[in-house]
Amino acid sequence: MTTIDKEYKIIPLHKRPDLIPDCCTLLNSEWPRSETARLKFLNVSCDEFPTCLILVDKEDRVLGHCKISLIPRLRHSCFIQSVIIDYQCRSQGLGSKLLRGAEEHVAKKGIKNVYLITKAFTKAKLKEKNTQCCGPPPPPMPNFQMPKFYDLGVITHRTHMVKKLSLQ
């Protein structure tokens, strides 16, 4: 468990199986799937990898989620996916807290490279959520090469970013 501050903490989901239904609801609020498929996705969380991390408040409400998986073809590397913060809690820095906690978690496990996998939002999706578009999307990262696991054809239409962790 990682304590971020007095109000929030990051917990591996498998340490709190009682929160799996709440996490399922959170993920399905953004990316609807059958409950069976979602539960299968969440129940793989374990001490090694894949690991689902959740951000909870002091009342144990699930406010955020991310899933971390190893990249078999890249040594000491993992990717983070399904990053979500509860819609009502966005724009408060909670996503940054969740990702910092995820970085700490993987660094303790000897991971040196972290790939973040996100879906891009379209203007139609933003309007659907009653939010305003805050400008054009950022330009692509310069000199960025797709990681080798991209060739597997499993991951498509995504934005890939990488961060090298310094183990302190």
Protein backbone atom coordinates (compact mmCIF):
# COMPACT_ATOMS: atom_id res chain seq x y z
CA MET A 1 0.00 0.00 0.00
CA THR A 2 1.27 3.47 -0.86
CA THR A 3 0.09 6.39 1.22
CA ILE A 4 -0.08 9.54 -0.88
CA ASP A 5 -1.37 11.84 1.81
CA LYS A 6 -3.92 11.78 4.62
CA GLU A 7 -6.86 11.83 2.24
CA TYR A 8 -5.84 9.33 -0.46
CA LYS A 9 -4.00 6.05 -0.74
CA ILE A 10 -3.11 3.64 -3.52
CA ILE A 11 -3.85 -0.02 -2.93
CA PRO A 12 -3.39 -3.12 -5.09
CA LEU A 13 -6.93 -4.22 -5.90
CA HIS A 14 -6.29 -7.85 -4.94
CA LYS A 15 -5.55 -6.66 -1.37
CA ARG A 16 -9.09 -5.24 -1.20
CA PRO A 17 -11.34 -7.66 -3.13
CA ASP A 18 -14.36 -6.04 -1.47
CA LEU A 19 -13.73 -3.00 -3.72
CA ILE A 20 -13.77 -4.97 -7.00
CA PRO A 21 -17.49 -4.22 -7.69
CA ASP A 22 -16.87 -0.47 -7.17
CA CYS A 23 -13.86 -0.62 -9.48
CA CYS A 24 -15.95 -2.49 -12.06
CA THR A 25 -18.57 0.27 -11.91
CA LEU A 26 -15.90 2.98 -12.30
CA LEU A 27 -14.35 1.35 -15.37
CA ASN A 28 -17.73 0.64 -16.94
CA SER A 29 -18.72 4.28 -16.51
CA GLU A 30 -16.08 5.16 -19.12
CA TRP A 31 -15.65 1.97 -21.14
CA PRO A 32 -18.83 -0.15 -20.93
CA ARG A 33 -18.33 -3.92 -21.02
CA SER A 34 -20.21 -6.85 -19.61
CA GLU A 35 -19.77 -7.29 -15.89
CA THR A 36 -18.38 -10.79 -16.50
CA ALA A 37 -15.68 -9.50 -18.86
CA ARG A 38 -14.84 -6.62 -16.52
CA LEU A 39 -14.57 -8.88 -13.47
CA LYS A 40 -12.30 -11.24 -15.42
CA PHE A 41 -10.10 -8.23 -16.30
CA LEU A 42 -9.92 -7.11 -12.64
CA ASN A 43 -9.52 -10.51 -10.97
CA VAL A 44 -6.12 -11.12 -12.58
CA SER A 45 -4.54 -8.60 -10.21
CA CYS A 46 -1.76 -10.16 -8.11
CA ASP A 47 1.42 -9.28 -6.21
CA GLU A 48 3.56 -9.81 -9.30
CA PHE A 49 1.98 -8.74 -12.60
CA PRO A 50 -0.55 -7.87 -13.85
CA THR A 51 -1.50 -5.62 -10.96
CA CYS A 52 -4.52 -3.34 -10.71
CA LEU A 53 -3.95 -0.32 -8.48
CA ILE A 54 -6.82 1.72 -7.10
CA LEU A 55 -6.88 5.21 -5.65
CA VAL A 56 -9.19 5.42 -2.64
CA ASP A 57 -10.17 8.25 -0.34
CA LYS A 58 -10.38 8.10 3.45
CA GLU A 59 -13.93 6.66 3.19
CA ASP A 60 -12.60 3.85 0.95
CA ARG A 61 -14.42 5.15 -2.12
CA VAL A 62 -12.72 4.04 -5.34
CA LEU A 63 -11.73 7.23 -7.17
CA GLY A 64 -9.20 5.88 -9.65
CA HIS A 65 -7.79 2.77 -11.28
CA CYS A 66 -4.88 1.65 -13.44
CA LYS A 67 -3.64 -1.76 -14.53
CA ILE A 68 0.06 -2.56 -14.83
CA SER A 69 1.31 -5.43 -16.99
CA LEU A 70 4.78 -6.62 -17.95
CA ILE A 71 5.98 -6.42 -21.52
CA PRO A 72 7.37 -9.89 -22.26
CA ARG A 73 9.70 -8.80 -25.07
CA LEU A 74 11.17 -5.82 -23.21
CA ARG A 75 13.21 -6.59 -20.12
CA HIS A 76 12.43 -4.52 -17.00
CA SER A 77 9.50 -2.88 -18.77
CA CYS A 78 5.78 -2.61 -18.12
CA PHE A 79 2.80 -0.78 -19.50
CA ILE A 80 0.06 1.04 -17.66
CA GLN A 81 -3.44 0.90 -19.10
CA SER A 82 -7.05 1.56 -18.14
CA VAL A 83 -6.13 4.71 -16.26
CA ILE A 84 -9.29 6.37 -15.02
CA ILE A 85 -10.35 8.86 -12.40
CA ASP A 86 -13.99 9.13 -11.34
CA TYR A 87 -15.66 11.71 -13.57
CA GLN A 88 -16.75 13.88 -10.61
CA CYS A 89 -13.19 13.97 -9.20
CA ARG A 90 -11.28 14.96 -12.33
CA SER A 91 -9.13 18.10 -12.66
CA GLN A 92 -7.95 17.82 -9.05
CA GLY A 93 -4.56 16.23 -9.67
CA LEU A 94 -5.72 12.73 -8.71
CA GLY A 95 -4.61 11.20 -12.00
CA SER A 96 -1.08 12.48 -11.36
CA LYS A 97 -1.18 11.03 -7.85
CA LEU A 98 -2.31 7.68 -9.19
CA LEU A 99 0.43 7.58 -11.84
CA ARG A 100 3.12 8.64 -9.33
CA GLY A 101 1.96 5.82 -7.06
CA ALA A 102 2.10 3.39 -9.99
CA GLU A 103 5.66 4.51 -10.76
CA GLU A 104 6.69 3.95 -7.13
CA HIS A 105 5.04 0.52 -7.16
CA VAL A 106 6.84 -0.68 -10.29
CA ALA A 107 10.18 0.86 -9.29
CA LYS A 108 10.10 -1.27 -6.10
CA LYS A 109 9.69 -4.31 -8.36
CA GLY A 110 12.78 -3.43 -10.43
CA ILE A 111 10.96 -2.03 -13.45
CA LYS A 112 12.98 0.60 -15.30
CA ASN A 113 10.77 1.52 -18.28
CA VAL A 114 7.09 2.41 -18.06
CA TYR A 115 4.86 2.77 -21.08
CA LEU A 116 1.57 4.59 -20.68
CA ILE A 117 -1.21 3.48 -22.99
CA THR A 118 -4.18 5.80 -23.35
CA LYS A 119 -7.11 6.22 -25.69
CA ALA A 120 -7.47 9.61 -27.30
CA PHE A 121 -10.72 11.46 -26.67
CA THR A 122 -12.60 12.90 -29.61
CA LYS A 123 -14.55 16.15 -29.49
CA ALA A 124 -17.77 14.10 -29.80
CA LYS A 125 -16.83 12.06 -26.72
CA LEU A 126 -16.04 15.24 -24.78
CA LYS A 127 -19.40 16.78 -25.72
CA GLU A 128 -21.11 13.55 -24.72
CA LYS A 129 -19.63 13.94 -21.21
CA ASN A 130 -20.69 17.63 -21.06
CA THR A 131 -17.11 18.86 -20.91
CA GLN A 132 -15.45 21.48 -23.01
CA CYS A 133 -12.52 20.86 -25.28
CA CYS A 134 -9.55 22.81 -24.04
CA GLY A 135 -7.73 23.13 -27.35
CA PRO A 136 -6.21 20.83 -29.94
CA PRO A 137 -4.46 17.61 -28.89
CA PRO A 138 -0.73 17.85 -28.23
CA PRO A 139 1.64 17.20 -31.14
CA PRO A 140 3.27 13.77 -31.43
CA MET A 141 6.40 13.19 -29.40
CA PRO A 142 9.58 13.89 -31.44
CA ASN A 143 11.71 10.92 -32.52
CA PHE A 144 9.45 8.48 -30.76
CA GLN A 145 9.59 4.86 -31.88
CA MET A 146 6.81 2.45 -31.19
CA PRO A 147 7.86 -0.23 -28.70
CA LYS A 148 8.45 -3.73 -30.03
CA PHE A 149 5.33 -5.12 -28.38
CA TYR A 150 3.26 -2.87 -30.65
CA ASP A 151 4.05 -5.27 -33.50
CA LEU A 152 1.95 -7.91 -31.79
CA GLY A 153 -1.13 -6.22 -33.25
CA VAL A 154 -2.85 -6.32 -29.87
CA ILE A 155 -2.71 -2.60 -29.23
CA THR A 156 -4.14 -0.27 -31.84
CA HIS A 157 -5.28 3.33 -32.04
CA ARG A 158 -3.50 4.33 -28.89
CA THR A 159 -1.01 6.94 -27.78
CA HIS A 160 2.22 5.55 -26.36
CA MET A 161 4.50 7.40 -23.98
CA VAL A 162 7.52 6.03 -22.16
CA LYS A 163 9.23 7.07 -18.94
CA LYS A 164 12.55 5.73 -17.70
CA LEU A 165 12.48 5.40 -13.92
CA SER A 166 15.50 6.20 -11.83
CA LEU A 167 15.66 3.79 -8.93
CA GLN A 168 16.57 5.75 -5.82
